[in-house]
Amino acid sequence: MKPKQRLVLQAHAPHFDHCYFVDEQQILDAAKHGAPWHHGQDVLFVGCITGMVHNSELLTPSFLDQLRRSTPLLKRATPHYKTKKLRVAMHLRRGDLHIGTNRGMPDEMYHRIMNTVRAIAGDDVEIHVFSSTEKNYKPASFKSYRNRGAKVHLDGNEVDDWAHMMQADVLLLSPSSFAWVPGVFNPNCVVGFNRYYPMGHWAVHRDGEFSHSALAKLEKCIEERKAAKAKHGR
C-alpha cells in the first residue's frame, strides 16, 4: 500500500473566483442545481466542523433569549449611532485577507447588499461599516463605502464594534466568525451568507443575490423594525 502523499500549493496572493464554506453534500447539491461557477474559474471549497454547523440544535430560541439577556453588550454605549434613523451595521472582512482570497469577498458584492437594504428601507437610514486595515489596506481602500453614504470605522475596539453590531436594527454580516457572534446576539434583522452557518431567522443571500423568500423575510423584518422605532420614538 503506497503511503498517502500531500500536495501543498503556496502562493503569495492566492485568488479564487468563488469560495465556499460547506460540507460535501452541499457541494454536490450546488453542482446539480445550477452551480454559479464556470469552466476555467478557480473555486475554493473549505469544509470544517465547528459548533456553528450545529447552531440550529444548540442555539434554540429559549437559549438565545437567555444568552442575549446575559450579555452587557446589548446595553453598552454605542456612540457611533447619532440619529434616530434605522441603524444599519456592516462587518467587512478585510485586514489580513486579500480580496478574492478565501473570505475576502469583493466590494461590489457588499455594495449590492447595501443597495438592497436601501431599496427596502429608503433613505431614512444610517449605515456604519466596521473593518480593519492591518498590513493590506489603507483608509482609502474603503472610499467606495463612504461614497455610498456609509460611515467607516477602522481598527476600532473589538468589543465596541460588537456592541454596535449587536444593537443594529439591520446587521449585514461578512463570512467571518468575528461577525457571526454579534449575528447570534442581534435580536433584530440579520443578513448573512447562505454558506456561512446562517441561523434560521436570518435573511440569507448568495454572493449578494437574494431569493424571493429571503427578500420577503428581510422586507418584513425591516418594516417591523421601522414600526417599532416609530412607536417607541427611538
C-alpha atoms as a PDB file:
ATOM      1  CA  MET A   1       0.000   0.000   0.000  1.00  0.00           C
ATOM      2  CA  LYS A   2       1.504   3.277  -1.085  1.00  0.00           C
ATOM      3  CA  PRO A   3       1.768   5.998   1.543  1.00  0.00           C
ATOM      4  CA  LYS A   4      -0.564   8.950   1.129  1.00  0.00           C
ATOM      5  CA  GLN A   5       1.026  11.997  -0.370  1.00  0.00           C
ATOM      6  CA  ARG A   6       0.040  15.576   0.314  1.00  0.00           C
ATOM      7  CA  LEU A   7       0.194  18.265  -2.320  1.00  0.00           C
ATOM      8  CA  VAL A   8       0.705  21.714  -0.868  1.00  0.00           C
ATOM      9  CA  LEU A   9       0.321  24.754  -3.085  1.00  0.00           C
ATOM     10  CA  GLN A  10       1.605  28.090  -1.873  1.00  0.00           C
ATOM     11  CA  ALA A  11       1.073  31.473  -3.452  1.00  0.00           C
ATOM     12  CA  HIS A  12       1.871  34.968  -2.228  1.00  0.00           C
ATOM     13  CA  ALA A  13      -1.612  36.305  -3.029  1.00  0.00           C
ATOM     14  CA  PRO A  14      -3.927  33.408  -3.903  1.00  0.00           C
ATOM     15  CA  HIS A  15      -7.114  34.339  -5.746  1.00  0.00           C
ATOM     16  CA  PHE A  16     -10.326  32.381  -6.180  1.00  0.00           C
ATOM     17  CA  ASP A  17     -13.378  33.290  -8.237  1.00  0.00           C
ATOM     18  CA  HIS A  18     -15.699  31.567  -5.737  1.00  0.00           C
ATOM     19  CA  CYS A  19     -15.170  30.470  -2.130  1.00  0.00           C
ATOM     20  CA  TYR A  20     -17.481  28.091  -0.273  1.00  0.00           C
ATOM     21  CA  PHE A  21     -17.621  27.001   3.350  1.00  0.00           C
ATOM     22  CA  VAL A  22     -19.742  23.898   3.016  1.00  0.00           C
ATOM     23  CA  ASP A  23     -19.980  20.191   3.605  1.00  0.00           C
ATOM     24  CA  GLU A  24     -19.732  17.543   0.894  1.00  0.00           C
ATOM     25  CA  GLN A  25     -23.479  17.224   0.322  1.00  0.00           C
ATOM     26  CA  GLN A  26     -23.868  20.970  -0.200  1.00  0.00           C
ATOM     27  CA  ILE A  27     -21.132  20.874  -2.844  1.00  0.00           C
ATOM     28  CA  LEU A  28     -22.894  18.049  -4.687  1.00  0.00           C
ATOM     29  CA  ASP A  29     -26.253  19.817  -4.471  1.00  0.00           C
ATOM     30  CA  ALA A  30     -24.762  23.023  -5.846  1.00  0.00           C
ATOM     31  CA  ALA A  31     -23.203  21.163  -8.770  1.00  0.00           C
ATOM     32  CA  LYS A  32     -26.520  19.505  -9.635  1.00  0.00           C
ATOM     33  CA  HIS A  33     -28.724  22.584  -9.351  1.00  0.00           C
ATOM     34  CA  GLY A  34     -27.048  25.339 -11.315  1.00  0.00           C
ATOM     35  CA  ALA A  35     -23.609  25.935  -9.864  1.00  0.00           C
ATOM     36  CA  PRO A  36     -22.559  29.609 -10.100  1.00  0.00           C
ATOM     37  CA  TRP A  37     -19.017  28.799 -11.211  1.00  0.00           C
ATOM     38  CA  HIS A  38     -17.938  28.384 -14.823  1.00  0.00           C
ATOM     39  CA  HIS A  39     -15.315  26.379 -16.694  1.00  0.00           C
ATOM     40  CA  GLY A  40     -11.867  27.828 -16.170  1.00  0.00           C
ATOM     41  CA  GLN A  41     -12.663  29.573 -12.876  1.00  0.00           C
ATOM     42  CA  ASP A  42     -10.858  28.827  -9.624  1.00  0.00           C
ATOM     43  CA  VAL A  43     -13.181  27.580  -6.882  1.00  0.00           C
ATOM     44  CA  LEU A  44     -12.180  27.001  -3.263  1.00  0.00           C
ATOM     45  CA  PHE A  45     -14.174  24.612  -1.085  1.00  0.00           C
ATOM     46  CA  VAL A  46     -13.441  24.668   2.634  1.00  0.00           C
ATOM     47  CA  GLY A  47     -15.051  22.235   4.998  1.00  0.00           C
ATOM     48  CA  CYS A  48     -14.727  22.235   8.759  1.00  0.00           C
ATOM     49  CA  ILE A  49     -16.887  21.064  11.612  1.00  0.00           C
ATOM     50  CA  THR A  50     -17.480  23.586  14.367  1.00  0.00           C
ATOM     51  CA  GLY A  51     -20.274  24.417  16.731  1.00  0.00           C
ATOM     52  CA  MET A  52     -21.584  26.849  14.131  1.00  0.00           C
ATOM     53  CA  VAL A  53     -22.540  23.910  11.905  1.00  0.00           C
ATOM     54  CA  HIS A  54     -24.980  22.655  14.535  1.00  0.00           C
ATOM     55  CA  ASN A  55     -26.362  26.040  15.535  1.00  0.00           C
ATOM     56  CA  SER A  56     -29.998  25.025  14.958  1.00  0.00           C
ATOM     57  CA  GLU A  57     -29.682  22.216  17.521  1.00  0.00           C
ATOM     58  CA  LEU A  58     -27.606  24.135  20.050  1.00  0.00           C
ATOM     59  CA  LEU A  59     -28.945  27.685  19.805  1.00  0.00           C
ATOM     60  CA  THR A  60     -32.622  27.143  20.490  1.00  0.00           C
ATOM     61  CA  PRO A  61     -34.962  30.164  20.822  1.00  0.00           C
ATOM     62  CA  SER A  62     -35.162  29.832  24.611  1.00  0.00           C
ATOM     63  CA  PHE A  63     -31.381  29.505  24.923  1.00  0.00           C
ATOM     64  CA  LEU A  64     -30.843  32.513  22.643  1.00  0.00           C
ATOM     65  CA  ASP A  65     -33.216  34.565  24.761  1.00  0.00           C
ATOM     66  CA  GLN A  66     -31.249  33.761  27.918  1.00  0.00           C
ATOM     67  CA  LEU A  67     -27.945  34.327  26.118  1.00  0.00           C
ATOM     68  CA  ARG A  68     -28.985  37.804  25.000  1.00  0.00           C
ATOM     69  CA  ARG A  69     -30.224  38.680  28.464  1.00  0.00           C
ATOM     70  CA  SER A  70     -26.846  37.735  29.907  1.00  0.00           C
ATOM     71  CA  THR A  71     -24.626  39.989  27.794  1.00  0.00           C
ATOM     72  CA  PRO A  72     -23.896  43.594  28.807  1.00  0.00           C
ATOM     73  CA  LEU A  73     -23.072  44.429  25.178  1.00  0.00           C
ATOM     74  CA  LEU A  74     -26.740  44.839  24.270  1.00  0.00           C
ATOM     75  CA  LYS A  75     -26.800  47.720  26.777  1.00  0.00           C
ATOM     76  CA  ARG A  76     -23.317  49.070  26.120  1.00  0.00           C
ATOM     77  CA  ALA A  77     -22.996  52.636  24.827  1.00  0.00           C
ATOM     78  CA  THR A  78     -22.989  52.916  21.020  1.00  0.00           C
ATOM     79  CA  PRO A  79     -21.637  56.421  20.302  1.00  0.00           C
ATOM     80  CA  HIS A  80     -21.435  55.905  16.528  1.00  0.00           C
ATOM     81  CA  TYR A  81     -25.226  55.865  16.351  1.00  0.00           C
ATOM     82  CA  LYS A  82     -26.090  59.548  16.416  1.00  0.00           C
ATOM     83  CA  THR A  83     -29.608  59.694  14.936  1.00  0.00           C
ATOM     84  CA  LYS A  84     -32.996  58.042  15.349  1.00  0.00           C
ATOM     85  CA  LYS A  85     -32.812  56.623  11.842  1.00  0.00           C
ATOM     86  CA  LEU A  86     -32.736  52.918  11.086  1.00  0.00           C
ATOM     87  CA  ARG A  87     -29.295  51.727  12.205  1.00  0.00           C
ATOM     88  CA  VAL A  88     -27.531  49.513   9.668  1.00  0.00           C
ATOM     89  CA  ALA A  89     -24.187  47.952  10.604  1.00  0.00           C
ATOM     90  CA  MET A  90     -21.993  46.021   8.189  1.00  0.00           C
ATOM     91  CA  HIS A  91     -18.913  43.984   9.008  1.00  0.00           C
ATOM     92  CA  LEU A  92     -16.383  43.947   6.187  1.00  0.00           C
ATOM     93  CA  ARG A  93     -13.805  41.141   6.426  1.00  0.00           C
ATOM     94  CA  ARG A  94     -10.510  42.681   5.343  1.00  0.00           C
ATOM     95  CA  GLY A  95      -7.376  43.109   7.487  1.00  0.00           C
ATOM     96  CA  ASP A  96      -5.149  40.112   6.863  1.00  0.00           C
ATOM     97  CA  LEU A  97      -7.169  38.873   3.854  1.00  0.00           C
ATOM     98  CA  HIS A  98      -6.801  39.984   0.265  1.00  0.00           C
ATOM     99  CA  ILE A  99      -9.937  40.478  -1.812  1.00  0.00           C
ATOM    100  CA  GLY A 100     -10.633  37.301  -3.747  1.00  0.00           C
ATOM    101  CA  THR A 101      -8.882  35.053  -1.245  1.00  0.00           C
ATOM    102  CA  ASN A 102     -10.884  32.719   0.915  1.00  0.00           C
ATOM    103  CA  ARG A 103     -13.399  35.010   2.683  1.00  0.00           C
ATOM    104  CA  GLY A 104     -12.182  38.278   1.169  1.00  0.00           C
ATOM    105  CA  MET A 105     -15.367  38.969  -0.780  1.00  0.00           C
ATOM    106  CA  PRO A 106     -15.350  41.786  -3.377  1.00  0.00           C
ATOM    107  CA  ASP A 107     -16.620  45.271  -2.608  1.00  0.00           C
ATOM    108  CA  GLU A 108     -19.177  45.036  -5.421  1.00  0.00           C
ATOM    109  CA  MET A 109     -20.960  42.226  -3.621  1.00  0.00           C
ATOM    110  CA  TYR A 110     -21.238  44.241  -0.414  1.00  0.00           C
ATOM    111  CA  HIS A 111     -22.463  47.209  -2.452  1.00  0.00           C
ATOM    112  CA  ARG A 112     -25.305  45.062  -3.803  1.00  0.00           C
ATOM    113  CA  ILE A 113     -26.339  44.132  -0.275  1.00  0.00           C
ATOM    114  CA  MET A 114     -26.278  47.786   0.795  1.00  0.00           C
ATOM    115  CA  ASN A 115     -28.370  48.706  -2.241  1.00  0.00           C
ATOM    116  CA  THR A 116     -30.909  46.008  -1.382  1.00  0.00           C
ATOM    117  CA  VAL A 117     -31.305  47.331   2.167  1.00  0.00           C
ATOM    118  CA  ARG A 118     -31.629  50.919   0.944  1.00  0.00           C
ATOM    119  CA  ALA A 119     -34.256  49.890  -1.602  1.00  0.00           C
ATOM    120  CA  ILE A 120     -36.327  48.377   1.204  1.00  0.00           C
ATOM    121  CA  ALA A 121     -35.694  50.875   3.999  1.00  0.00           C
ATOM    122  CA  GLY A 122     -35.498  54.096   1.987  1.00  0.00           C
ATOM    123  CA  ASP A 123     -33.213  56.999   2.770  1.00  0.00           C
ATOM    124  CA  ASP A 124     -34.040  57.183   6.477  1.00  0.00           C
ATOM    125  CA  VAL A 125     -31.063  55.020   7.447  1.00  0.00           C
ATOM    126  CA  GLU A 126     -27.580  55.467   8.844  1.00  0.00           C
ATOM    127  CA  ILE A 127     -25.075  52.893   7.616  1.00  0.00           C
ATOM    128  CA  HIS A 128     -21.899  52.026   9.500  1.00  0.00           C
ATOM    129  CA  VAL A 129     -19.119  49.818   8.146  1.00  0.00           C
ATOM    130  CA  PHE A 130     -16.758  48.130  10.611  1.00  0.00           C
ATOM    131  CA  SER A 131     -13.477  46.726   9.353  1.00  0.00           C
ATOM    132  CA  SER A 132      -9.709  46.620   9.846  1.00  0.00           C
ATOM    133  CA  THR A 133      -6.697  47.595   7.796  1.00  0.00           C
ATOM    134  CA  GLU A 134      -3.703  45.755   9.275  1.00  0.00           C
ATOM    135  CA  LYS A 135      -0.991  45.463   6.618  1.00  0.00           C
ATOM    136  CA  ASN A 136      -3.063  45.041   3.460  1.00  0.00           C
ATOM    137  CA  TYR A 137      -5.408  48.042   3.443  1.00  0.00           C
ATOM    138  CA  LYS A 138      -5.463  51.788   3.942  1.00  0.00           C
ATOM    139  CA  PRO A 139      -8.374  54.082   4.832  1.00  0.00           C
ATOM    140  CA  ALA A 140      -8.604  54.986   1.140  1.00  0.00           C
ATOM    141  CA  SER A 141      -9.424  51.340   0.404  1.00  0.00           C
ATOM    142  CA  PHE A 142     -12.900  51.957   1.840  1.00  0.00           C
ATOM    143  CA  LYS A 143     -13.681  55.031  -0.251  1.00  0.00           C
ATOM    144  CA  SER A 144     -16.457  53.289  -2.192  1.00  0.00           C
ATOM    145  CA  TYR A 145     -18.427  52.790   1.035  1.00  0.00           C
ATOM    146  CA  ARG A 146     -18.045  56.413   2.074  1.00  0.00           C
ATOM    147  CA  ASN A 147     -19.170  57.452  -1.398  1.00  0.00           C
ATOM    148  CA  ARG A 148     -22.349  55.470  -0.783  1.00  0.00           C
ATOM    149  CA  GLY A 149     -23.088  57.378   2.397  1.00  0.00           C
ATOM    150  CA  ALA A 150     -21.683  54.942   4.946  1.00  0.00           C
ATOM    151  CA  LYS A 151     -19.629  55.886   7.983  1.00  0.00           C
ATOM    152  CA  VAL A 152     -16.498  53.725   8.029  1.00  0.00           C
ATOM    153  CA  HIS A 153     -14.925  52.686  11.349  1.00  0.00           C
ATOM    154  CA  LEU A 154     -11.494  51.072  11.091  1.00  0.00           C
ATOM    155  CA  ASP A 155      -9.340  49.243  13.622  1.00  0.00           C
ATOM    156  CA  GLY A 156     -11.667  50.044  16.489  1.00  0.00           C
ATOM    157  CA  ASN A 157     -12.036  48.343  19.834  1.00  0.00           C
ATOM    158  CA  GLU A 158     -13.425  44.888  19.073  1.00  0.00           C
ATOM    159  CA  VAL A 159     -15.899  44.909  21.962  1.00  0.00           C
ATOM    160  CA  ASP A 160     -17.232  48.329  20.963  1.00  0.00           C
ATOM    161  CA  ASP A 161     -17.634  47.121  17.378  1.00  0.00           C
ATOM    162  CA  TRP A 162     -19.521  44.087  18.636  1.00  0.00           C
ATOM    163  CA  ALA A 163     -21.838  46.276  20.713  1.00  0.00           C
ATOM    164  CA  HIS A 164     -22.724  48.384  17.669  1.00  0.00           C
ATOM    165  CA  MET A 165     -23.327  45.294  15.561  1.00  0.00           C
ATOM    166  CA  MET A 166     -25.422  43.584  18.235  1.00  0.00           C
ATOM    167  CA  GLN A 167     -27.625  46.657  18.660  1.00  0.00           C
ATOM    168  CA  ALA A 168     -28.070  47.443  14.962  1.00  0.00           C
ATOM    169  CA  ASP A 169     -31.577  47.393  13.530  1.00  0.00           C
ATOM    170  CA  VAL A 170     -30.114  45.645  10.493  1.00  0.00           C
ATOM    171  CA  LEU A 171     -26.810  43.750  10.692  1.00  0.00           C
ATOM    172  CA  LEU A 172     -25.035  42.778   7.474  1.00  0.00           C
ATOM    173  CA  LEU A 173     -22.528  40.016   8.098  1.00  0.00           C
ATOM    174  CA  SER A 174     -19.328  39.040   6.354  1.00  0.00           C
ATOM    175  CA  PRO A 175     -18.228  35.380   6.178  1.00  0.00           C
ATOM    176  CA  SER A 176     -16.347  35.726   9.451  1.00  0.00           C
ATOM    177  CA  SER A 177     -16.583  34.127  12.872  1.00  0.00           C
ATOM    178  CA  PHE A 178     -15.970  37.590  14.353  1.00  0.00           C
ATOM    179  CA  ALA A 179     -19.154  38.828  12.662  1.00  0.00           C
ATOM    180  CA  TRP A 180     -21.065  35.606  13.304  1.00  0.00           C
ATOM    181  CA  VAL A 181     -21.002  36.187  17.067  1.00  0.00           C
ATOM    182  CA  PRO A 182     -22.906  39.515  17.036  1.00  0.00           C
ATOM    183  CA  GLY A 183     -25.154  37.939  14.403  1.00  0.00           C
ATOM    184  CA  VAL A 184     -26.212  35.404  17.021  1.00  0.00           C
ATOM    185  CA  PHE A 185     -26.761  38.055  19.699  1.00  0.00           C
ATOM    186  CA  ASN A 186     -28.548  40.611  17.499  1.00  0.00           C
ATOM    187  CA  PRO A 187     -32.315  40.228  18.106  1.00  0.00           C
ATOM    188  CA  ASN A 188     -33.348  42.289  15.076  1.00  0.00           C
ATOM    189  CA  CYS A 189     -32.700  41.847  11.342  1.00  0.00           C
ATOM    190  CA  VAL A 190     -29.597  39.888  10.365  1.00  0.00           C
ATOM    191  CA  VAL A 191     -28.381  39.321   6.811  1.00  0.00           C
ATOM    192  CA  GLY A 192     -25.881  36.509   6.276  1.00  0.00           C
ATOM    193  CA  PHE A 193     -24.224  34.359   3.647  1.00  0.00           C
ATOM    194  CA  ASN A 194     -26.144  31.221   2.744  1.00  0.00           C
ATOM    195  CA  ARG A 195     -22.979  29.138   3.094  1.00  0.00           C
ATOM    196  CA  TYR A 196     -21.589  30.543   6.349  1.00  0.00           C
ATOM    197  CA  TYR A 197     -23.632  28.857   9.079  1.00  0.00           C
ATOM    198  CA  PRO A 198     -26.780  31.031   8.953  1.00  0.00           C
ATOM    199  CA  MET A 199     -29.338  30.982  11.732  1.00  0.00           C
ATOM    200  CA  GLY A 200     -32.871  30.044  10.764  1.00  0.00           C
ATOM    201  CA  HIS A 201     -34.298  33.546  11.255  1.00  0.00           C
ATOM    202  CA  TRP A 202     -31.632  35.321   9.198  1.00  0.00           C
ATOM    203  CA  ALA A 203     -32.232  36.608   5.682  1.00  0.00           C
ATOM    204  CA  VAL A 204     -29.565  34.894   3.604  1.00  0.00           C
ATOM    205  CA  HIS A 205     -28.099  35.713   0.216  1.00  0.00           C
ATOM    206  CA  ARG A 206     -25.879  34.003  -2.318  1.00  0.00           C
ATOM    207  CA  ASP A 207     -22.991  36.320  -3.129  1.00  0.00           C
ATOM    208  CA  GLY A 208     -25.248  39.355  -2.758  1.00  0.00           C
ATOM    209  CA  GLU A 209     -28.253  37.888  -4.570  1.00  0.00           C
ATOM    210  CA  PHE A 210     -31.436  37.227  -2.570  1.00  0.00           C
ATOM    211  CA  SER A 211     -34.110  34.659  -3.341  1.00  0.00           C
ATOM    212  CA  HIS A 212     -37.721  35.844  -3.332  1.00  0.00           C
ATOM    213  CA  SER A 213     -38.349  34.255   0.062  1.00  0.00           C
ATOM    214  CA  ALA A 214     -35.188  35.727   1.605  1.00  0.00           C
ATOM    215  CA  LEU A 215     -36.032  39.157   0.251  1.00  0.00           C
ATOM    216  CA  ALA A 216     -39.569  38.904   1.625  1.00  0.00           C
ATOM    217  CA  LYS A 217     -38.160  37.910   5.035  1.00  0.00           C
ATOM    218  CA  LEU A 218     -35.839  40.920   5.028  1.00  0.00           C
ATOM    219  CA  GLU A 219     -38.588  43.302   3.930  1.00  0.00           C
ATOM    220  CA  LYS A 220     -40.902  42.067   6.693  1.00  0.00           C
ATOM    221  CA  CYS A 221     -38.203  42.388   9.350  1.00  0.00           C
ATOM    222  CA  ILE A 222     -37.183  45.903   8.303  1.00  0.00           C
ATOM    223  CA  GLU A 223     -40.786  47.094   8.232  1.00  0.00           C
ATOM    224  CA  GLU A 224     -41.304  45.675  11.725  1.00  0.00           C
ATOM    225  CA  ARG A 225     -38.171  47.434  12.989  1.00  0.00           C
ATOM    226  CA  LYS A 226     -39.262  50.741  11.456  1.00  0.00           C
ATOM    227  CA  ALA A 227     -42.685  50.396  13.063  1.00  0.00           C
ATOM    228  CA  ALA A 228     -41.159  49.567  16.455  1.00  0.00           C
ATOM    229  CA  LYS A 229     -38.813  52.565  16.297  1.00  0.00           C
ATOM    230  CA  ALA A 230     -41.681  54.857  15.334  1.00  0.00           C
ATOM    231  CA  LYS A 231     -43.780  53.549  18.222  1.00  0.00           C
ATOM    232  CA  HIS A 232     -41.072  53.987  20.844  1.00  0.00           C
ATOM    233  CA  GLY A 233     -39.550  57.136  19.346  1.00  0.00           C
ATOM    234  CA  ARG A 234     -36.053  55.697  19.020  1.00  0.00           C
END
